[in-house]
Amino acid sequence: AYYYSVIRDLVFKRFTRKDKGCAANYEVA
């Protein structure tokens, strides 16, 4: 679970789309 959460957090940090009104981009994750 640690590795998955680190990868997910890296992706969310970089690919967050504030212009779309969502906090995280789950498709990219």
mmCIF file of all heavy atoms, coordinates in Angstrom:
data_MODEL
# 
_entry.id   MODEL 
# 
loop_
_atom_site.group_PDB 
_atom_site.id 
_atom_site.type_symbol 
_atom_site.label_atom_id 
_atom_site.label_alt_id 
_atom_site.label_comp_id 
_atom_site.label_asym_id 
_atom_site.label_entity_id 
_atom_site.label_seq_id 
_atom_site.pdbx_PDB_ins_code 
_atom_site.Cartn_x 
_atom_site.Cartn_y 
_atom_site.Cartn_z 
_atom_site.occupancy 
_atom_site.B_iso_or_equiv 
_atom_site.pdbx_formal_charge 
_atom_site.auth_seq_id 
_atom_site.auth_comp_id 
_atom_site.auth_asym_id 
_atom_site.auth_atom_id 
_atom_site.pdbx_PDB_model_num 
ATOM 1   N N   . ALA A 1 1  ? 0.829   -1.209 0.000   1.00 0.00 ? 1  ALA A N   1 
ATOM 2   C CA  . ALA A 1 1  ? 0.000   0.000  0.000   1.00 0.00 ? 1  ALA A CA  1 
ATOM 3   C C   . ALA A 1 1  ? 0.863   1.260  0.000   1.00 0.00 ? 1  ALA A C   1 
ATOM 4   O O   . ALA A 1 1  ? 0.471   2.285  -0.557  1.00 0.00 ? 1  ALA A O   1 
ATOM 5   C CB  . ALA A 1 1  ? -0.937  0.000  1.204   1.00 0.00 ? 1  ALA A CB  1 
ATOM 6   N N   . TYR A 1 2  ? 2.036   1.178  0.584   1.00 0.00 ? 2  TYR A N   1 
ATOM 7   C CA  . TYR A 1 2  ? 2.939   2.330  0.630   1.00 0.00 ? 2  TYR A CA  1 
ATOM 8   C C   . TYR A 1 2  ? 3.341   2.744  -0.782  1.00 0.00 ? 2  TYR A C   1 
ATOM 9   O O   . TYR A 1 2  ? 3.273   3.913  -1.136  1.00 0.00 ? 2  TYR A O   1 
ATOM 10  C CB  . TYR A 1 2  ? 4.177   1.986  1.462   1.00 0.00 ? 2  TYR A CB  1 
ATOM 11  C CG  . TYR A 1 2  ? 5.294   2.988  1.319   1.00 0.00 ? 2  TYR A CG  1 
ATOM 12  C CD1 . TYR A 1 2  ? 5.234   4.212  1.971   1.00 0.00 ? 2  TYR A CD1 1 
ATOM 13  C CD2 . TYR A 1 2  ? 6.392   2.724  0.513   1.00 0.00 ? 2  TYR A CD2 1 
ATOM 14  C CE1 . TYR A 1 2  ? 6.247   5.150  1.839   1.00 0.00 ? 2  TYR A CE1 1 
ATOM 15  C CE2 . TYR A 1 2  ? 7.414   3.655  0.377   1.00 0.00 ? 2  TYR A CE2 1 
ATOM 16  C CZ  . TYR A 1 2  ? 7.330   4.855  1.034   1.00 0.00 ? 2  TYR A CZ  1 
ATOM 17  O OH  . TYR A 1 2  ? 8.330   5.776  0.904   1.00 0.00 ? 2  TYR A OH  1 
ATOM 18  N N   . TYR A 1 3  ? 3.774   1.802  -1.590  1.00 0.00 ? 3  TYR A N   1 
ATOM 19  C CA  . TYR A 1 3  ? 4.236   2.123  -2.946  1.00 0.00 ? 3  TYR A CA  1 
ATOM 20  C C   . TYR A 1 3  ? 3.100   2.690  -3.787  1.00 0.00 ? 3  TYR A C   1 
ATOM 21  O O   . TYR A 1 3  ? 3.283   3.658  -4.523  1.00 0.00 ? 3  TYR A O   1 
ATOM 22  C CB  . TYR A 1 3  ? 4.850   0.890  -3.610  1.00 0.00 ? 3  TYR A CB  1 
ATOM 23  C CG  . TYR A 1 3  ? 6.021   0.358  -2.828  1.00 0.00 ? 3  TYR A CG  1 
ATOM 24  C CD1 . TYR A 1 3  ? 5.965   -0.862 -2.181  1.00 0.00 ? 3  TYR A CD1 1 
ATOM 25  C CD2 . TYR A 1 3  ? 7.181   1.109  -2.690  1.00 0.00 ? 3  TYR A CD2 1 
ATOM 26  C CE1 . TYR A 1 3  ? 7.032   -1.330 -1.440  1.00 0.00 ? 3  TYR A CE1 1 
ATOM 27  C CE2 . TYR A 1 3  ? 8.256   0.652  -1.948  1.00 0.00 ? 3  TYR A CE2 1 
ATOM 28  C CZ  . TYR A 1 3  ? 8.170   -0.572 -1.326  1.00 0.00 ? 3  TYR A CZ  1 
ATOM 29  O OH  . TYR A 1 3  ? 9.225   -1.021 -0.583  1.00 0.00 ? 3  TYR A OH  1 
ATOM 30  N N   . TYR A 1 4  ? 1.923   2.087  -3.668  1.00 0.00 ? 4  TYR A N   1 
ATOM 31  C CA  . TYR A 1 4  ? 0.772   2.590  -4.422  1.00 0.00 ? 4  TYR A CA  1 
ATOM 32  C C   . TYR A 1 4  ? 0.446   4.023  -4.018  1.00 0.00 ? 4  TYR A C   1 
ATOM 33  O O   . TYR A 1 4  ? 0.210   4.877  -4.867  1.00 0.00 ? 4  TYR A O   1 
ATOM 34  C CB  . TYR A 1 4  ? -0.442  1.684  -4.203  1.00 0.00 ? 4  TYR A CB  1 
ATOM 35  C CG  . TYR A 1 4  ? -1.681  2.212  -4.862  1.00 0.00 ? 4  TYR A CG  1 
ATOM 36  C CD1 . TYR A 1 4  ? -1.846  2.123  -6.237  1.00 0.00 ? 4  TYR A CD1 1 
ATOM 37  C CD2 . TYR A 1 4  ? -2.671  2.852  -4.116  1.00 0.00 ? 4  TYR A CD2 1 
ATOM 38  C CE1 . TYR A 1 4  ? -2.975  2.634  -6.858  1.00 0.00 ? 4  TYR A CE1 1 
ATOM 39  C CE2 . TYR A 1 4  ? -3.796  3.363  -4.728  1.00 0.00 ? 4  TYR A CE2 1 
ATOM 40  C CZ  . TYR A 1 4  ? -3.945  3.241  -6.092  1.00 0.00 ? 4  TYR A CZ  1 
ATOM 41  O OH  . TYR A 1 4  ? -5.054  3.756  -6.697  1.00 0.00 ? 4  TYR A OH  1 
ATOM 42  N N   . SER A 1 5  ? 0.450   4.298  -2.724  1.00 0.00 ? 5  SER A N   1 
ATOM 43  C CA  . SER A 1 5  ? 0.087   5.645  -2.267  1.00 0.00 ? 5  SER A CA  1 
ATOM 44  C C   . SER A 1 5  ? 1.126   6.679  -2.678  1.00 0.00 ? 5  SER A C   1 
ATOM 45  O O   . SER A 1 5  ? 0.772   7.808  -3.021  1.00 0.00 ? 5  SER A O   1 
ATOM 46  C CB  . SER A 1 5  ? -0.152  5.674  -0.757  1.00 0.00 ? 5  SER A CB  1 
ATOM 47  O OG  . SER A 1 5  ? 1.031   5.383  -0.062  1.00 0.00 ? 5  SER A OG  1 
ATOM 48  N N   . VAL A 1 6  ? 2.411   6.314  -2.683  1.00 0.00 ? 6  VAL A N   1 
ATOM 49  C CA  . VAL A 1 6  ? 3.448   7.254  -3.123  1.00 0.00 ? 6  VAL A CA  1 
ATOM 50  C C   . VAL A 1 6  ? 3.268   7.570  -4.599  1.00 0.00 ? 6  VAL A C   1 
ATOM 51  O O   . VAL A 1 6  ? 3.303   8.738  -5.009  1.00 0.00 ? 6  VAL A O   1 
ATOM 52  C CB  . VAL A 1 6  ? 4.862   6.695  -2.848  1.00 0.00 ? 6  VAL A CB  1 
ATOM 53  C CG1 . VAL A 1 6  ? 5.918   7.549  -3.524  1.00 0.00 ? 6  VAL A CG1 1 
ATOM 54  C CG2 . VAL A 1 6  ? 5.123   6.621  -1.357  1.00 0.00 ? 6  VAL A CG2 1 
ATOM 55  N N   . ILE A 1 7  ? 3.052   6.550  -5.411  1.00 0.00 ? 7  ILE A N   1 
ATOM 56  C CA  . ILE A 1 7  ? 2.855   6.748  -6.851  1.00 0.00 ? 7  ILE A CA  1 
ATOM 57  C C   . ILE A 1 7  ? 1.615   7.600  -7.095  1.00 0.00 ? 7  ILE A C   1 
ATOM 58  O O   . ILE A 1 7  ? 1.649   8.563  -7.866  1.00 0.00 ? 7  ILE A O   1 
ATOM 59  C CB  . ILE A 1 7  ? 2.762   5.393  -7.574  1.00 0.00 ? 7  ILE A CB  1 
ATOM 60  C CG1 . ILE A 1 7  ? 4.129   4.699  -7.539  1.00 0.00 ? 7  ILE A CG1 1 
ATOM 61  C CG2 . ILE A 1 7  ? 2.271   5.563  -9.010  1.00 0.00 ? 7  ILE A CG2 1 
ATOM 62  C CD1 . ILE A 1 7  ? 4.104   3.249  -7.950  1.00 0.00 ? 7  ILE A CD1 1 
ATOM 63  N N   . ARG A 1 8  ? 0.529   7.270  -6.428  1.00 0.00 ? 8  ARG A N   1 
ATOM 64  C CA  . ARG A 1 8  ? -0.724  8.028  -6.588  1.00 0.00 ? 8  ARG A CA  1 
ATOM 65  C C   . ARG A 1 8  ? -0.522  9.484  -6.199  1.00 0.00 ? 8  ARG A C   1 
ATOM 66  O O   . ARG A 1 8  ? -0.952  10.393 -6.916  1.00 0.00 ? 8  ARG A O   1 
ATOM 67  C CB  . ARG A 1 8  ? -1.819  7.388  -5.738  1.00 0.00 ? 8  ARG A CB  1 
ATOM 68  C CG  . ARG A 1 8  ? -3.178  8.049  -5.921  1.00 0.00 ? 8  ARG A CG  1 
ATOM 69  C CD  . ARG A 1 8  ? -4.137  7.681  -4.811  1.00 0.00 ? 8  ARG A CD  1 
ATOM 70  N NE  . ARG A 1 8  ? -3.578  8.168  -3.550  1.00 0.00 ? 8  ARG A NE  1 
ATOM 71  C CZ  . ARG A 1 8  ? -3.668  7.524  -2.403  1.00 0.00 ? 8  ARG A CZ  1 
ATOM 72  N NH1 . ARG A 1 8  ? -4.276  6.369  -2.328  1.00 0.00 ? 8  ARG A NH1 1 
ATOM 73  N NH2 . ARG A 1 8  ? -3.137  8.030  -1.304  1.00 0.00 ? 8  ARG A NH2 1 
ATOM 74  N N   . ASP A 1 9  ? 0.172   9.731  -5.084  1.00 0.00 ? 9  ASP A N   1 
ATOM 75  C CA  . ASP A 1 9  ? 0.391   11.108 -4.635  1.00 0.00 ? 9  ASP A CA  1 
ATOM 76  C C   . ASP A 1 9  ? 1.261   11.886 -5.612  1.00 0.00 ? 9  ASP A C   1 
ATOM 77  O O   . ASP A 1 9  ? 1.018   13.076 -5.858  1.00 0.00 ? 9  ASP A O   1 
ATOM 78  C CB  . ASP A 1 9  ? 1.007   11.122 -3.238  1.00 0.00 ? 9  ASP A CB  1 
ATOM 79  C CG  . ASP A 1 9  ? 0.043   10.629 -2.167  1.00 0.00 ? 9  ASP A CG  1 
ATOM 80  O OD1 . ASP A 1 9  ? -1.175  10.527 -2.455  1.00 0.00 ? 9  ASP A OD1 1 
ATOM 81  O OD2 . ASP A 1 9  ? 0.511   10.328 -1.052  1.00 0.00 ? 9  ASP A OD2 1 
ATOM 82  N N   . LEU A 1 10 ? 2.281   11.238 -6.172  1.00 0.00 ? 10 LEU A N   1 
ATOM 83  C CA  . LEU A 1 10 ? 3.111   11.897 -7.185  1.00 0.00 ? 10 LEU A CA  1 
ATOM 84  C C   . LEU A 1 10 ? 2.275   12.299 -8.394  1.00 0.00 ? 10 LEU A C   1 
ATOM 85  O O   . LEU A 1 10 ? 2.387   13.413 -8.909  1.00 0.00 ? 10 LEU A O   1 
ATOM 86  C CB  . LEU A 1 10 ? 4.248   10.969 -7.636  1.00 0.00 ? 10 LEU A CB  1 
ATOM 87  C CG  . LEU A 1 10 ? 5.398   10.754 -6.674  1.00 0.00 ? 10 LEU A CG  1 
ATOM 88  C CD1 . LEU A 1 10 ? 6.286   9.600  -7.145  1.00 0.00 ? 10 LEU A CD1 1 
ATOM 89  C CD2 . LEU A 1 10 ? 6.218   12.018 -6.529  1.00 0.00 ? 10 LEU A CD2 1 
ATOM 90  N N   . VAL A 1 11 ? 1.428   11.385 -8.838  1.00 0.00 ? 11 VAL A N   1 
ATOM 91  C CA  . VAL A 1 11 ? 0.580   11.646 -10.010 1.00 0.00 ? 11 VAL A CA  1 
ATOM 92  C C   . VAL A 1 11 ? -0.415  12.759 -9.699  1.00 0.00 ? 11 VAL A C   1 
ATOM 93  O O   . VAL A 1 11 ? -0.587  13.687 -10.501 1.00 0.00 ? 11 VAL A O   1 
ATOM 94  C CB  . VAL A 1 11 ? -0.140  10.356 -10.445 1.00 0.00 ? 11 VAL A CB  1 
ATOM 95  C CG1 . VAL A 1 11 ? -1.191  10.642 -11.509 1.00 0.00 ? 11 VAL A CG1 1 
ATOM 96  C CG2 . VAL A 1 11 ? 0.871   9.344  -10.963 1.00 0.00 ? 11 VAL A CG2 1 
ATOM 97  N N   . PHE A 1 12 ? -1.065  12.691 -8.546  1.00 0.00 ? 12 PHE A N   1 
ATOM 98  C CA  . PHE A 1 12 ? -2.051  13.716 -8.195  1.00 0.00 ? 12 PHE A CA  1 
ATOM 99  C C   . PHE A 1 12 ? -1.391  15.082 -8.058  1.00 0.00 ? 12 PHE A C   1 
ATOM 100 O O   . PHE A 1 12 ? -1.959  16.094 -8.445  1.00 0.00 ? 12 PHE A O   1 
ATOM 101 C CB  . PHE A 1 12 ? -2.771  13.366 -6.900  1.00 0.00 ? 12 PHE A CB  1 
ATOM 102 C CG  . PHE A 1 12 ? -3.796  12.274 -7.047  1.00 0.00 ? 12 PHE A CG  1 
ATOM 103 C CD1 . PHE A 1 12 ? -4.375  11.710 -5.936  1.00 0.00 ? 12 PHE A CD1 1 
ATOM 104 C CD2 . PHE A 1 12 ? -4.199  11.803 -8.288  1.00 0.00 ? 12 PHE A CD2 1 
ATOM 105 C CE1 . PHE A 1 12 ? -5.325  10.708 -6.046  1.00 0.00 ? 12 PHE A CE1 1 
ATOM 106 C CE2 . PHE A 1 12 ? -5.142  10.793 -8.419  1.00 0.00 ? 12 PHE A CE2 1 
ATOM 107 C CZ  . PHE A 1 12 ? -5.704  10.250 -7.287  1.00 0.00 ? 12 PHE A CZ  1 
ATOM 108 N N   . LYS A 1 13 ? -0.183  15.110 -7.504  1.00 0.00 ? 13 LYS A N   1 
ATOM 109 C CA  . LYS A 1 13 ? 0.506   16.392 -7.330  1.00 0.00 ? 13 LYS A CA  1 
ATOM 110 C C   . LYS A 1 13 ? 0.790   17.046 -8.677  1.00 0.00 ? 13 LYS A C   1 
ATOM 111 O O   . LYS A 1 13 ? 0.627   18.257 -8.847  1.00 0.00 ? 13 LYS A O   1 
ATOM 112 C CB  . LYS A 1 13 ? 1.815   16.169 -6.568  1.00 0.00 ? 13 LYS A CB  1 
ATOM 113 C CG  . LYS A 1 13 ? 2.587   17.437 -6.301  1.00 0.00 ? 13 LYS A CG  1 
ATOM 114 C CD  . LYS A 1 13 ? 3.843   17.133 -5.516  1.00 0.00 ? 13 LYS A CD  1 
ATOM 115 C CE  . LYS A 1 13 ? 4.663   18.410 -5.334  1.00 0.00 ? 13 LYS A CE  1 
ATOM 116 N NZ  . LYS A 1 13 ? 5.944   18.141 -4.694  1.00 0.00 ? 13 LYS A NZ  1 
ATOM 117 N N   . ARG A 1 14 ? 1.203   16.252 -9.644  1.00 0.00 ? 14 ARG A N   1 
ATOM 118 C CA  . ARG A 1 14 ? 1.576   16.807 -10.946 1.00 0.00 ? 14 ARG A CA  1 
ATOM 119 C C   . ARG A 1 14 ? 0.374   17.040 -11.867 1.00 0.00 ? 14 ARG A C   1 
ATOM 120 O O   . ARG A 1 14 ? 0.327   17.996 -12.619 1.00 0.00 ? 14 ARG A O   1 
ATOM 121 C CB  . ARG A 1 14 ? 2.582   15.874 -11.638 1.00 0.00 ? 14 ARG A CB  1 
ATOM 122 C CG  . ARG A 1 14 ? 2.880   16.169 -13.106 1.00 0.00 ? 14 ARG A CG  1 
ATOM 123 C CD  . ARG A 1 14 ? 3.311   17.613 -13.317 1.00 0.00 ? 14 ARG A CD  1 
ATOM 124 N NE  . ARG A 1 14 ? 3.577   17.918 -14.695 1.00 0.00 ? 14 ARG A NE  1 
ATOM 125 C CZ  . ARG A 1 14 ? 2.664   18.322 -15.581 1.00 0.00 ? 14 ARG A CZ  1 
ATOM 126 N NH1 . ARG A 1 14 ? 1.406   18.435 -15.244 1.00 0.00 ? 14 ARG A NH1 1 
ATOM 127 N NH2 . ARG A 1 14 ? 3.008   18.612 -16.811 1.00 0.00 ? 14 ARG A NH2 1 
ATOM 128 N N   . PHE A 1 15 ? -0.606  16.161 -11.824 1.00 0.00 ? 15 PHE A N   1 
ATOM 129 C CA  . PHE A 1 15 ? -1.682  16.185 -12.812 1.00 0.00 ? 15 PHE A CA  1 
ATOM 130 C C   . PHE A 1 15 ? -3.019  16.652 -12.250 1.00 0.00 ? 15 PHE A C   1 
ATOM 131 O O   . PHE A 1 15 ? -4.067  16.301 -12.764 1.00 0.00 ? 15 PHE A O   1 
ATOM 132 C CB  . PHE A 1 15 ? -1.845  14.800 -13.452 1.00 0.00 ? 15 PHE A CB  1 
ATOM 133 C CG  . PHE A 1 15 ? -0.651  14.390 -14.249 1.00 0.00 ? 15 PHE A CG  1 
ATOM 134 C CD1 . PHE A 1 15 ? 0.298   13.539 -13.706 1.00 0.00 ? 15 PHE A CD1 1 
ATOM 135 C CD2 . PHE A 1 15 ? -0.458  14.883 -15.521 1.00 0.00 ? 15 PHE A CD2 1 
ATOM 136 C CE1 . PHE A 1 15 ? 1.408   13.164 -14.439 1.00 0.00 ? 15 PHE A CE1 1 
ATOM 137 C CE2 . PHE A 1 15 ? 0.657   14.519 -16.262 1.00 0.00 ? 15 PHE A CE2 1 
ATOM 138 C CZ  . PHE A 1 15 ? 1.591   13.659 -15.721 1.00 0.00 ? 15 PHE A CZ  1 
ATOM 139 N N   . THR A 1 16 ? -3.005  17.458 -11.211 1.00 0.00 ? 16 THR A N   1 
ATOM 140 C CA  . THR A 1 16 ? -4.236  18.026 -10.678 1.00 0.00 ? 16 THR A CA  1 
ATOM 141 C C   . THR A 1 16 ? -4.746  19.094 -11.640 1.00 0.00 ? 16 THR A C   1 
ATOM 142 O O   . THR A 1 16 ? -3.986  19.942 -12.083 1.00 0.00 ? 16 THR A O   1 
ATOM 143 C CB  . THR A 1 16 ? -3.996  18.633 -9.287  1.00 0.00 ? 16 THR A CB  1 
ATOM 144 O OG1 . THR A 1 16 ? -3.625  17.576 -8.418  1.00 0.00 ? 16 THR A OG1 1 
ATOM 145 C CG2 . THR A 1 16 ? -5.235  19.305 -8.745  1.00 0.00 ? 16 THR A CG2 1 
ATOM 146 N N   . ARG A 1 17 ? -6.027  19.009 -11.959 1.00 0.00 ? 17 ARG A N   1 
ATOM 147 C CA  . ARG A 1 17 ? -6.608  19.956 -12.908 1.00 0.00 ? 17 ARG A CA  1 
ATOM 148 C C   . ARG A 1 17 ? -7.562  20.880 -12.159 1.00 0.00 ? 17 ARG A C   1 
ATOM 149 O O   . ARG A 1 17 ? -8.732  20.579 -12.001 1.00 0.00 ? 17 ARG A O   1 
ATOM 150 C CB  . ARG A 1 17 ? -7.373  19.207 -14.006 1.00 0.00 ? 17 ARG A CB  1 
ATOM 151 C CG  . ARG A 1 17 ? -6.522  18.322 -14.891 1.00 0.00 ? 17 ARG A CG  1 
ATOM 152 C CD  . ARG A 1 17 ? -5.658  19.118 -15.852 1.00 0.00 ? 17 ARG A CD  1 
ATOM 153 N NE  . ARG A 1 17 ? -6.378  20.111 -16.603 1.00 0.00 ? 17 ARG A NE  1 
ATOM 154 C CZ  . ARG A 1 17 ? -6.870  19.930 -17.826 1.00 0.00 ? 17 ARG A CZ  1 
ATOM 155 N NH1 . ARG A 1 17 ? -6.703  18.789 -18.436 1.00 0.00 ? 17 ARG A NH1 1 
ATOM 156 N NH2 . ARG A 1 17 ? -7.506  20.902 -18.426 1.00 0.00 ? 17 ARG A NH2 1 
ATOM 157 N N   . LYS A 1 18 ? -7.059  21.991 -11.692 1.00 0.00 ? 18 LYS A N   1 
ATOM 158 C CA  . LYS A 1 18 ? -7.898  22.936 -10.956 1.00 0.00 ? 18 LYS A CA  1 
ATOM 159 C C   . LYS A 1 18 ? -8.933  23.589 -11.870 1.00 0.00 ? 18 LYS A C   1 
ATOM 160 O O   . LYS A 1 18 ? -10.014 23.955 -11.441 1.00 0.00 ? 18 LYS A O   1 
ATOM 161 C CB  . LYS A 1 18 ? -7.025  23.977 -10.278 1.00 0.00 ? 18 LYS A CB  1 
ATOM 162 C CG  . LYS A 1 18 ? -6.177  23.394 -9.164  1.00 0.00 ? 18 LYS A CG  1 
ATOM 163 C CD  . LYS A 1 18 ? -5.358  24.460 -8.474  1.00 0.00 ? 18 LYS A CD  1 
ATOM 164 C CE  . LYS A 1 18 ? -4.579  23.903 -7.335  1.00 0.00 ? 18 LYS A CE  1 
ATOM 165 N NZ  . LYS A 1 18 ? -3.453  23.087 -7.703  1.00 0.00 ? 18 LYS A NZ  1 
ATOM 166 N N   . ASP A 1 19 ? -8.584  23.715 -13.149 1.00 0.00 ? 19 ASP A N   1 
ATOM 167 C CA  . ASP A 1 19 ? -9.523  24.329 -14.085 1.00 0.00 ? 19 ASP A CA  1 
ATOM 168 C C   . ASP A 1 19 ? -10.739 23.445 -14.338 1.00 0.00 ? 19 ASP A C   1 
ATOM 169 O O   . ASP A 1 19 ? -11.778 23.921 -14.754 1.00 0.00 ? 19 ASP A O   1 
ATOM 170 C CB  . ASP A 1 19 ? -8.826  24.658 -15.410 1.00 0.00 ? 19 ASP A CB  1 
ATOM 171 C CG  . ASP A 1 19 ? -8.277  23.420 -16.093 1.00 0.00 ? 19 ASP A CG  1 
ATOM 172 O OD1 . ASP A 1 19 ? -7.744  22.543 -15.389 1.00 0.00 ? 19 ASP A OD1 1 
ATOM 173 O OD2 . ASP A 1 19 ? -8.367  23.347 -17.328 1.00 0.00 ? 19 ASP A OD2 1 
ATOM 174 N N   . LYS A 1 20 ? -10.632 22.151 -14.068 1.00 0.00 ? 20 LYS A N   1 
ATOM 175 C CA  . LYS A 1 20 ? -11.759 21.232 -14.259 1.00 0.00 ? 20 LYS A CA  1 
ATOM 176 C C   . LYS A 1 20 ? -12.595 21.092 -12.994 1.00 0.00 ? 20 LYS A C   1 
ATOM 177 O O   . LYS A 1 20 ? -13.569 20.361 -12.972 1.00 0.00 ? 20 LYS A O   1 
ATOM 178 C CB  . LYS A 1 20 ? -11.251 19.851 -14.681 1.00 0.00 ? 20 LYS A CB  1 
ATOM 179 C CG  . LYS A 1 20 ? -10.503 19.833 -15.977 1.00 0.00 ? 20 LYS A CG  1 
ATOM 180 C CD  . LYS A 1 20 ? -11.434 19.983 -17.135 1.00 0.00 ? 20 LYS A CD  1 
ATOM 181 C CE  . LYS A 1 20 ? -10.658 19.869 -18.433 1.00 0.00 ? 20 LYS A CE  1 
ATOM 182 N NZ  . LYS A 1 20 ? -11.469 20.056 -19.586 1.00 0.00 ? 20 LYS A NZ  1 
ATOM 183 N N   . GLY A 1 21 ? -12.165 21.739 -11.925 1.00 0.00 ? 21 GLY A N   1 
ATOM 184 C CA  . GLY A 1 21 ? -12.936 21.701 -10.683 1.00 0.00 ? 21 GLY A CA  1 
ATOM 185 C C   . GLY A 1 21 ? -12.796 20.414 -9.899  1.00 0.00 ? 21 GLY A C   1 
ATOM 186 O O   . GLY A 1 21 ? -13.656 20.084 -9.100  1.00 0.00 ? 21 GLY A O   1 
ATOM 187 N N   . CYS A 1 22 ? -11.731 19.672 -10.147 1.00 0.00 ? 22 CYS A N   1 
ATOM 188 C CA  . CYS A 1 22 ? -11.537 18.454 -9.362  1.00 0.00 ? 22 CYS A CA  1 
ATOM 189 C C   . CYS A 1 22 ? -10.154 18.497 -8.717  1.00 0.00 ? 22 CYS A C   1 
ATOM 190 O O   . CYS A 1 22 ? -9.229  19.109 -9.246  1.00 0.00 ? 22 CYS A O   1 
ATOM 191 C CB  . CYS A 1 22 ? -11.690 17.202 -10.223 1.00 0.00 ? 22 CYS A CB  1 
ATOM 192 S SG  . CYS A 1 22 ? -10.524 17.078 -11.567 1.00 0.00 ? 22 CYS A SG  1 
ATOM 193 N N   . ALA A 1 23 ? -10.033 17.850 -7.592  1.00 0.00 ? 23 ALA A N   1 
ATOM 194 C CA  . ALA A 1 23 ? -8.780  17.906 -6.844  1.00 0.00 ? 23 ALA A CA  1 
ATOM 195 C C   . ALA A 1 23 ? -7.741  16.944 -7.398  1.00 0.00 ? 23 ALA A C   1 
ATOM 196 O O   . ALA A 1 23 ? -6.561  17.166 -7.259  1.00 0.00 ? 23 ALA A O   1 
ATOM 197 C CB  . ALA A 1 23 ? -9.043  17.585 -5.382  1.00 0.00 ? 23 ALA A CB  1 
ATOM 198 N N   . ALA A 1 24 ? -8.166  15.873 -8.034  1.00 0.00 ? 24 ALA A N   1 
ATOM 199 C CA  . ALA A 1 24 ? -7.211  14.882 -8.520  1.00 0.00 ? 24 ALA A CA  1 
ATOM 200 C C   . ALA A 1 24 ? -7.690  14.328 -9.853  1.00 0.00 ? 24 ALA A C   1 
ATOM 201 O O   . ALA A 1 24 ? -8.883  14.231 -10.106 1.00 0.00 ? 24 ALA A O   1 
ATOM 202 C CB  . ALA A 1 24 ? -7.069  13.764 -7.509  1.00 0.00 ? 24 ALA A CB  1 
ATOM 203 N N   . ASN A 1 25 ? -6.757  13.971 -10.677 1.00 0.00 ? 25 ASN A N   1 
ATOM 204 C CA  . ASN A 1 25 ? -7.067  13.438 -11.991 1.00 0.00 ? 25 ASN A CA  1 
ATOM 205 C C   . ASN A 1 25 ? -6.942  11.912 -11.935 1.00 0.00 ? 25 ASN A C   1 
ATOM 206 O O   . ASN A 1 25 ? -5.868  11.355 -12.129 1.00 0.00 ? 25 ASN A O   1 
ATOM 207 C CB  . ASN A 1 25 ? -6.120  14.048 -13.026 1.00 0.00 ? 25 ASN A CB  1 
ATOM 208 C CG  . ASN A 1 25 ? -6.607  13.838 -14.432 1.00 0.00 ? 25 ASN A CG  1 
ATOM 209 O OD1 . ASN A 1 25 ? -7.345  12.903 -14.702 1.00 0.00 ? 25 ASN A OD1 1 
ATOM 210 N ND2 . ASN A 1 25 ? -6.183  14.708 -15.320 1.00 0.00 ? 25 ASN A ND2 1 
ATOM 211 N N   . TYR A 1 26 ? -8.056  11.240 -11.681 1.00 0.00 ? 26 TYR A N   1 
ATOM 212 C CA  . TYR A 1 26 ? -8.049  9.797  -11.481 1.00 0.00 ? 26 TYR A CA  1 
ATOM 213 C C   . TYR A 1 26 ? -7.762  9.026  -12.760 1.00 0.00 ? 26 TYR A C   1 
ATOM 214 O O   . TYR A 1 26 ? -7.227  7.918  -12.708 1.00 0.00 ? 26 TYR A O   1 
ATOM 215 C CB  . TYR A 1 26 ? -9.368  9.337  -10.852 1.00 0.00 ? 26 TYR A CB  1 
ATOM 216 C CG  . TYR A 1 26 ? -9.486  9.808  -9.425  1.00 0.00 ? 26 TYR A CG  1 
ATOM 217 C CD1 . TYR A 1 26 ? -10.179 10.967 -9.101  1.00 0.00 ? 26 TYR A CD1 1 
ATOM 218 C CD2 . TYR A 1 26 ? -8.869  9.108  -8.400  1.00 0.00 ? 26 TYR A CD2 1 
ATOM 219 C CE1 . TYR A 1 26 ? -10.262 11.412 -7.798  1.00 0.00 ? 26 TYR A CE1 1 
ATOM 220 C CE2 . TYR A 1 26 ? -8.945  9.541  -7.089  1.00 0.00 ? 26 TYR A CE2 1 
ATOM 221 C CZ  . TYR A 1 26 ? -9.643  10.690 -6.789  1.00 0.00 ? 26 TYR A CZ  1 
ATOM 222 O OH  . TYR A 1 26 ? -9.717  11.120 -5.504  1.00 0.00 ? 26 TYR A OH  1 
ATOM 223 N N   . GLU A 1 27 ? -8.099  9.594  -13.918 1.00 0.00 ? 27 GLU A N   1 
ATOM 224 C CA  . GLU A 1 27 ? -7.801  8.909  -15.170 1.00 0.00 ? 27 GLU A CA  1 
ATOM 225 C C   . GLU A 1 27 ? -6.297  8.758  -15.357 1.00 0.00 ? 27 GLU A C   1 
ATOM 226 O O   . GLU A 1 27 ? -5.807  7.719  -15.781 1.00 0.00 ? 27 GLU A O   1 
ATOM 227 C CB  . GLU A 1 27 ? -8.400  9.665  -16.368 1.00 0.00 ? 27 GLU A CB  1 
ATOM 228 C CG  . GLU A 1 27 ? -9.910  9.656  -16.420 1.00 0.00 ? 27 GLU A CG  1 
ATOM 229 C CD  . GLU A 1 27 ? -10.540 10.748 -15.564 1.00 0.00 ? 27 GLU A CD  1 
ATOM 230 O OE1 . GLU A 1 27 ? -9.812  11.635 -15.077 1.00 0.00 ? 27 GLU A OE1 1 
ATOM 231 O OE2 . GLU A 1 27 ? -11.757 10.688 -15.384 1.00 0.00 ? 27 GLU A OE2 1 
ATOM 232 N N   . VAL A 1 28 ? -5.555  9.806  -15.023 1.00 0.00 ? 28 VAL A N   1 
ATOM 233 C CA  . VAL A 1 28 ? -4.101  9.744  -15.144 1.00 0.00 ? 28 VAL A CA  1 
ATOM 234 C C   . VAL A 1 28 ? -3.535  8.761  -14.123 1.00 0.00 ? 28 VAL A C   1 
ATOM 235 O O   . VAL A 1 28 ? -2.610  7.997  -14.423 1.00 0.00 ? 28 VAL A O   1 
ATOM 236 C CB  . VAL A 1 28 ? -3.464  11.145 -14.988 1.00 0.00 ? 28 VAL A CB  1 
ATOM 237 C CG1 . VAL A 1 28 ? -1.952  11.072 -15.035 1.00 0.00 ? 28 VAL A CG1 1 
ATOM 238 C CG2 . VAL A 1 28 ? -3.988  12.080 -16.060 1.00 0.00 ? 28 VAL A CG2 1 
ATOM 239 N N   . ALA A 1 29 ? -4.090  8.748  -12.920 1.00 0.00 ? 29 ALA A N   1 
ATOM 240 C CA  . ALA A 1 29 ? -3.633  7.801  -11.897 1.00 0.00 ? 29 ALA A CA  1 
ATOM 241 C C   . ALA A 1 29 ? -3.849  6.367  -12.369 1.00 0.00 ? 29 ALA A C   1 
ATOM 242 O O   . ALA A 1 29 ? -2.973  5.508  -12.185 1.00 0.00 ? 29 ALA A O   1 
ATOM 243 C CB  . ALA A 1 29 ? -4.362  8.045  -10.581 1.00 0.00 ? 29 ALA A CB  1 
# 
